[in-house]
Amino acid sequence: MIFLEKYKNVMKNLPECITEAEVNAERKVSTLIGVSGGQIVKTDVSDVTAVYVRASGTKTGYAYTEDLQEDPEKVILQAYNNGLVSDSNKIDRLNLPETALNSNNALTGFSQTKIVYDKVCESTVAAGKKAANTSDIIQKALMLESLVRKADPSIRTVFANIRVDTFSSRVINSKGVDVYFSRNVFYAQARVTAEVMGDNVDVVCSASASSFEKLDLASLVNEVRNLMKNKIKPGSFQSGEYPVILSRNVGVNIMMTAWQLFSGLKYCEGSTALKGKLGEHIGSPAFNVVDIPFHNDTGYCF
């Protein structure tokens, strides 16, 4: 993200109408390999960088661009001018270098960053190159397809894909903040068509992890096998109660719905049942919520 050096230079001498400004550049590099029948049948590579700018004077305005060659001063002025025509009178408060959180440090328990950007950048770029090793992705995809094909004799076709995403973000502002974050996420997905009880059955299972080593293909294969094994003949149910085992997807949907209770926006507008209970103990020993911006096991970062 060398282009951000131009933004840093502009921030040293902002136009008189602008009191402070901040730029967040987010990059996503994605490589996908899909295989079927022992052959590569799909490839997809993308590299997109988005730049988000906010500038404050009497109000705060925002701008967005994917043109990395665009004049930084022009983009910052555009953000400021957008604020002038906004109905909101809000002025954002920008972090100082002492309060800006570096997500890489958060993983090790530190709440503040003292790391120089170049050192962080050097290590994360190296990690990104390793993550996008195409031969490793192909090998993993072929392995997944082979494992799934052997899972059940009723399987007719298998499409397996492995995708590696590298997310990185760098935030700079006129108060001297310059922090960098990078994280790799590895995805595996198997699409299967099988013949079960005379019917064609389509099964899709997926998993994610923060590294190839943590990507549990055996668990994914077991999920494919169990979904086919648990298929029942179509029919109608009588009214009543039935013991069921919820699938992982259903569990995730329930938790995503429940999580809306804790939405800051919904709390402020009063549309959550927890309105007015800020700071109070809720729930029970059986339910625990830890609010962190990343998930080490899956590789996700929010």
Protein backbone atom coordinates (compact mmCIF):
# COMPACT_ATOMS: atom_id res chain seq x y z
CA MET A 1 0.00 0.00 0.00
CA ILE A 2 2.76 2.37 -0.99
CA PHE A 3 0.22 4.80 -2.50
CA LEU A 4 -0.80 5.78 1.04
CA GLU A 5 2.48 7.66 1.43
CA LYS A 6 0.96 10.31 -0.85
CA TYR A 7 -2.01 10.60 1.50
CA LYS A 8 0.36 10.96 4.46
CA ASN A 9 2.11 13.84 2.72
CA VAL A 10 -1.20 15.62 2.08
CA MET A 11 -2.23 15.16 5.72
CA LYS A 12 0.86 17.04 6.85
CA ASN A 13 -0.56 20.16 5.21
CA LEU A 14 -4.36 19.88 5.05
CA PRO A 15 -6.45 22.63 3.44
CA GLU A 16 -7.47 25.32 5.96
CA CYS A 17 -11.11 24.20 5.95
CA ILE A 18 -10.18 20.68 7.11
CA THR A 19 -9.14 20.16 10.73
CA GLU A 20 -8.36 16.44 10.52
CA ALA A 21 -8.59 13.51 8.12
CA GLU A 22 -8.23 9.74 8.10
CA VAL A 23 -7.73 7.11 5.41
CA ASN A 24 -8.47 3.38 5.68
CA ALA A 25 -7.20 1.23 2.81
CA GLU A 26 -8.55 -2.33 2.69
CA ARG A 27 -7.13 -4.95 0.34
CA LYS A 28 -8.46 -8.43 -0.42
CA VAL A 29 -6.37 -10.89 -2.43
CA SER A 30 -8.25 -14.08 -3.30
CA THR A 31 -7.15 -17.27 -5.05
CA LEU A 32 -9.59 -20.12 -5.77
CA ILE A 33 -8.92 -23.52 -7.32
CA GLY A 34 -11.77 -25.92 -8.11
CA VAL A 35 -11.25 -29.56 -9.10
CA SER A 36 -13.43 -32.43 -10.28
CA GLY A 37 -12.44 -35.84 -11.63
CA GLY A 38 -8.85 -35.18 -10.65
CA GLN A 39 -8.66 -32.15 -12.96
CA ILE A 40 -8.67 -28.40 -12.39
CA VAL A 41 -12.04 -27.16 -13.64
CA LYS A 42 -12.16 -23.66 -12.14
CA THR A 43 -9.70 -20.92 -11.26
CA ASP A 44 -10.36 -17.44 -9.95
CA VAL A 45 -7.85 -14.83 -8.85
CA SER A 46 -8.68 -11.31 -7.70
CA ASP A 47 -6.89 -8.42 -6.01
CA VAL A 48 -9.04 -5.44 -4.96
CA THR A 49 -8.08 -2.44 -2.84
CA ALA A 50 -10.73 -0.05 -1.51
CA VAL A 51 -9.91 3.34 0.02
CA TYR A 52 -12.23 4.94 2.59
CA VAL A 53 -11.61 8.57 3.51
CA ARG A 54 -13.17 10.82 6.13
CA ALA A 55 -12.41 14.50 6.62
CA SER A 56 -13.70 16.85 9.30
CA GLY A 57 -14.22 20.57 9.53
CA THR A 58 -17.53 21.87 10.85
CA LYS A 59 -18.87 18.38 10.07
CA THR A 60 -17.43 15.02 9.03
CA GLY A 61 -17.78 13.79 5.46
CA TYR A 62 -16.82 10.58 3.73
CA ALA A 63 -15.53 9.43 0.34
CA TYR A 64 -14.70 6.12 -1.32
CA THR A 65 -12.48 5.17 -4.24
CA GLU A 66 -10.80 2.15 -5.82
CA ASP A 67 -8.60 4.33 -8.03
CA LEU A 68 -5.21 4.18 -6.32
CA GLN A 69 -3.82 6.79 -8.72
CA GLU A 70 -6.45 9.39 -7.84
CA ASP A 71 -5.10 12.64 -6.39
CA PRO A 72 -5.16 12.25 -2.56
CA GLU A 73 -5.93 15.93 -1.92
CA LYS A 74 -8.86 15.73 -4.33
CA VAL A 75 -10.29 12.66 -2.54
CA ILE A 76 -9.91 14.25 0.90
CA LEU A 77 -11.61 17.44 -0.31
CA GLN A 78 -14.39 15.33 -1.82
CA ALA A 79 -14.98 13.71 1.57
CA TYR A 80 -15.08 17.13 3.26
CA ASN A 81 -17.51 18.54 0.67
CA ASN A 82 -19.76 15.48 1.03
CA GLY A 83 -20.03 16.34 4.71
CA LEU A 84 -21.17 19.88 3.95
CA VAL A 85 -24.26 18.65 2.12
CA SER A 86 -25.05 15.93 4.65
CA ASP A 87 -28.06 16.21 6.97
CA SER A 88 -25.91 15.00 9.86
CA ASN A 89 -23.96 17.45 12.01
CA LYS A 90 -21.81 14.70 13.50
CA ILE A 91 -18.07 15.21 13.87
CA ASP A 92 -16.07 12.00 14.22
CA ARG A 93 -13.36 11.76 16.85
CA LEU A 94 -10.16 10.29 15.44
CA ASN A 95 -7.77 8.09 17.37
CA LEU A 96 -4.37 9.22 18.54
CA PRO A 97 -1.32 6.97 18.07
CA GLU A 98 -1.66 6.01 21.76
CA THR A 99 -5.26 4.83 21.42
CA ALA A 100 -5.27 3.25 17.95
CA LEU A 101 -5.67 -0.51 18.19
CA ASN A 102 -3.48 -2.72 16.05
CA SER A 103 -5.32 -6.03 15.49
CA ASN A 104 -2.06 -7.94 15.16
CA ASN A 105 -1.17 -6.88 18.69
CA ALA A 106 -4.67 -7.74 19.92
CA LEU A 107 -3.94 -11.38 19.17
CA THR A 108 -1.18 -11.35 21.78
CA GLY A 109 -3.07 -9.39 24.40
CA PHE A 110 -1.73 -5.88 23.84
CA SER A 111 -4.27 -3.08 23.55
CA GLN A 112 -2.01 -0.41 22.08
CA THR A 113 0.49 -0.40 19.26
CA LYS A 114 4.05 0.84 19.25
CA ILE A 115 5.09 -1.16 16.19
CA VAL A 116 6.49 0.70 13.22
CA TYR A 117 4.38 0.11 10.11
CA ASP A 118 7.26 -1.08 7.93
CA LYS A 119 8.13 -3.96 10.28
CA VAL A 120 4.55 -5.15 10.47
CA CYS A 121 4.12 -4.77 6.73
CA GLU A 122 7.25 -6.80 6.01
CA SER A 123 6.07 -9.80 8.05
CA THR A 124 2.46 -9.73 6.85
CA VAL A 125 3.39 -9.42 3.19
CA ALA A 126 5.66 -12.44 3.58
CA ALA A 127 2.80 -14.36 5.20
CA GLY A 128 0.49 -13.31 2.37
CA LYS A 129 2.84 -14.66 -0.29
CA LYS A 130 3.06 -17.98 1.52
CA ALA A 131 -0.73 -18.18 1.84
CA ALA A 132 -1.26 -17.72 -1.90
CA ASN A 133 1.02 -20.57 -3.01
CA THR A 134 -0.96 -21.95 -5.95
CA SER A 135 0.60 -25.42 -5.90
CA ASP A 136 -0.42 -25.85 -2.24
CA ILE A 137 -3.99 -24.84 -3.07
CA ILE A 138 -4.18 -27.31 -5.98
CA GLN A 139 -2.79 -30.13 -3.86
CA LYS A 140 -5.28 -29.45 -1.07
CA ALA A 141 -8.23 -29.31 -3.50
CA LEU A 142 -7.24 -32.64 -5.11
CA MET A 143 -6.88 -34.19 -1.67
CA LEU A 144 -10.33 -32.98 -0.64
CA GLU A 145 -11.95 -34.39 -3.77
CA SER A 146 -10.26 -37.75 -3.26
CA LEU A 147 -11.34 -37.98 0.39
CA VAL A 148 -14.93 -37.08 -0.41
CA ARG A 149 -15.18 -39.60 -3.27
CA LYS A 150 -14.08 -42.37 -0.90
CA ALA A 151 -16.56 -41.32 1.79
CA ASP A 152 -19.57 -43.18 0.37
CA PRO A 153 -20.10 -45.53 -2.61
CA SER A 154 -23.35 -43.73 -3.51
CA ILE A 155 -21.44 -40.58 -4.50
CA ARG A 156 -21.59 -39.89 -8.24
CA THR A 157 -19.92 -36.51 -8.73
CA VAL A 158 -17.71 -34.30 -6.58
CA PHE A 159 -16.66 -30.70 -7.06
CA ALA A 160 -14.08 -29.56 -4.49
CA ASN A 161 -12.64 -26.10 -4.18
CA ILE A 162 -10.09 -24.42 -1.97
CA ARG A 163 -9.97 -20.64 -1.64
CA VAL A 164 -7.36 -18.56 0.13
CA ASP A 165 -8.14 -14.96 1.02
CA THR A 166 -5.67 -12.46 2.42
CA PHE A 167 -7.33 -9.46 4.06
CA SER A 168 -5.19 -6.46 4.94
CA SER A 169 -5.98 -2.99 6.17
CA ARG A 170 -3.87 0.08 6.88
CA VAL A 171 -5.23 3.13 8.69
CA ILE A 172 -3.47 6.50 8.72
CA ASN A 173 -4.67 9.86 9.95
CA SER A 174 -3.55 13.43 10.45
CA LYS A 175 -2.94 12.81 14.17
CA GLY A 176 -0.07 10.44 13.43
CA VAL A 177 -1.86 7.08 13.53
CA ASP A 178 -0.38 4.45 11.20
CA VAL A 179 -1.48 0.89 11.98
CA TYR A 180 -1.58 -2.22 9.83
CA PHE A 181 -3.49 -5.48 9.97
CA SER A 182 -3.36 -8.64 7.86
CA ARG A 183 -5.03 -12.05 8.14
CA ASN A 184 -5.31 -15.12 5.95
CA VAL A 185 -8.48 -17.22 5.71
CA PHE A 186 -8.53 -20.68 4.11
CA TYR A 187 -11.83 -22.07 2.80
CA ALA A 188 -12.70 -25.61 1.72
CA GLN A 189 -15.95 -26.59 0.06
CA ALA A 190 -17.28 -29.85 -1.36
CA ARG A 191 -20.33 -30.10 -3.63
CA VAL A 192 -21.55 -33.66 -3.98
CA THR A 193 -24.23 -35.41 -6.01
CA ALA A 194 -25.14 -38.88 -4.79
CA GLU A 195 -27.87 -41.46 -5.33
CA VAL A 196 -29.62 -42.22 -2.03
CA MET A 197 -32.74 -44.39 -1.85
CA GLY A 198 -33.26 -43.98 -5.58
CA ASP A 199 -33.14 -40.18 -5.49
CA ASN A 200 -30.40 -37.79 -6.53
CA VAL A 201 -29.17 -35.89 -3.49
CA ASP A 202 -27.10 -32.71 -3.59
CA VAL A 203 -24.92 -32.00 -0.58
CA VAL A 204 -22.77 -28.91 0.03
CA CYS A 205 -20.38 -28.71 2.98
CA SER A 206 -17.73 -26.14 3.79
CA ALA A 207 -15.16 -25.20 6.41
CA SER A 208 -12.70 -22.41 7.08
CA ALA A 209 -9.51 -21.99 9.10
CA SER A 210 -6.68 -19.56 9.71
CA SER A 211 -4.08 -21.88 8.11
CA PHE A 212 -3.81 -24.95 5.91
CA GLU A 213 -2.72 -26.95 8.95
CA LYS A 214 -5.95 -26.08 10.80
CA LEU A 215 -8.20 -26.84 7.83
CA ASP A 216 -9.97 -30.02 8.99
CA LEU A 217 -10.81 -31.93 5.82
CA ALA A 218 -11.68 -35.11 7.75
CA SER A 219 -14.43 -33.29 9.63
CA LEU A 220 -15.79 -31.88 6.37
CA VAL A 221 -15.85 -35.36 4.81
CA ASN A 222 -17.68 -36.74 7.86
CA GLU A 223 -20.25 -33.99 7.47
CA VAL A 224 -20.87 -35.02 3.86
CA ARG A 225 -21.20 -38.66 4.92
CA ASN A 226 -23.58 -37.87 7.78
CA LEU A 227 -25.85 -35.68 5.66
CA MET A 228 -26.33 -38.53 3.20
CA LYS A 229 -26.71 -41.15 5.93
CA ASN A 230 -29.40 -39.13 7.71
CA LYS A 231 -31.56 -38.62 4.64
CA ILE A 232 -35.07 -39.99 5.11
CA LYS A 233 -37.74 -40.80 2.57
CA PRO A 234 -40.03 -37.86 1.80
CA GLY A 235 -43.36 -37.88 3.55
CA SER A 236 -45.62 -35.89 5.85
CA PHE A 237 -45.24 -35.36 9.58
CA GLN A 238 -48.05 -35.58 12.07
CA SER A 239 -48.46 -32.78 14.58
CA GLY A 240 -46.45 -33.36 17.73
CA GLU A 241 -42.97 -33.22 19.18
CA TYR A 242 -39.94 -34.83 17.58
CA PRO A 243 -36.35 -35.15 18.83
CA VAL A 244 -34.03 -33.46 16.33
CA ILE A 245 -30.37 -32.60 15.95
CA LEU A 246 -29.84 -29.12 14.58
CA SER A 247 -27.35 -28.80 11.77
CA ARG A 248 -24.44 -26.41 12.11
CA ASN A 249 -26.06 -24.00 9.65
CA VAL A 250 -29.24 -23.85 11.73
CA GLY A 251 -27.20 -23.23 14.86
CA VAL A 252 -25.31 -20.40 13.17
CA ASN A 253 -28.57 -18.81 11.97
CA ILE A 254 -30.01 -18.92 15.50
CA MET A 255 -26.89 -17.31 16.98
CA MET A 256 -26.76 -14.66 14.26
CA THR A 257 -30.37 -13.76 15.05
CA ALA A 258 -29.68 -13.70 18.79
CA TRP A 259 -26.60 -11.54 18.23
CA GLN A 260 -28.82 -8.70 17.04
CA LEU A 261 -29.74 -8.23 20.71
CA PHE A 262 -26.21 -6.95 21.24
CA SER A 263 -26.08 -4.61 18.24
CA GLY A 264 -24.85 -1.17 19.24
CA LEU A 265 -26.98 0.50 16.57
CA LYS A 266 -30.13 -1.29 17.72
CA TYR A 267 -29.30 -0.42 21.33
CA CYS A 268 -29.01 3.28 20.51
CA GLU A 269 -32.26 3.36 18.53
CA GLY A 270 -34.09 1.38 21.22
CA SER A 271 -35.11 -1.59 19.07
CA THR A 272 -33.39 -4.25 21.18
CA ALA A 273 -34.84 -5.94 24.25
CA LEU A 274 -31.66 -5.02 26.11
CA LYS A 275 -32.35 -1.28 25.84
CA GLY A 276 -31.55 0.40 29.16
CA LYS A 277 -29.60 -2.57 30.53
CA LEU A 278 -26.11 -1.41 29.61
CA GLY A 279 -23.69 -2.59 32.29
CA GLU A 280 -26.11 -5.10 33.80
CA HIS A 281 -25.41 -8.83 34.05
CA ILE A 282 -27.61 -10.79 31.65
CA GLY A 283 -27.95 -14.42 30.66
CA SER A 284 -26.72 -17.34 32.74
CA PRO A 285 -23.58 -19.41 33.39
CA ALA A 286 -24.64 -21.51 30.38
CA PHE A 287 -24.27 -18.59 27.97
CA ASN A 288 -21.13 -16.56 27.47
CA VAL A 289 -20.33 -13.89 24.88
CA VAL A 290 -16.81 -12.62 24.24
CA ASP A 291 -16.67 -9.61 21.94
CA ILE A 292 -13.48 -9.75 19.87
CA PRO A 293 -12.90 -8.70 16.24
CA PHE A 294 -11.40 -12.01 15.15
CA HIS A 295 -11.81 -15.78 15.43
CA ASN A 296 -8.52 -17.66 15.52
CA ASP A 297 -9.92 -21.08 14.61
CA THR A 298 -11.86 -20.05 11.50
CA GLY A 299 -9.57 -17.22 10.42
CA TYR A 300 -12.44 -14.75 10.26
CA CYS A 301 -11.91 -11.13 11.23
CA PHE A 302 -14.78 -8.67 11.54
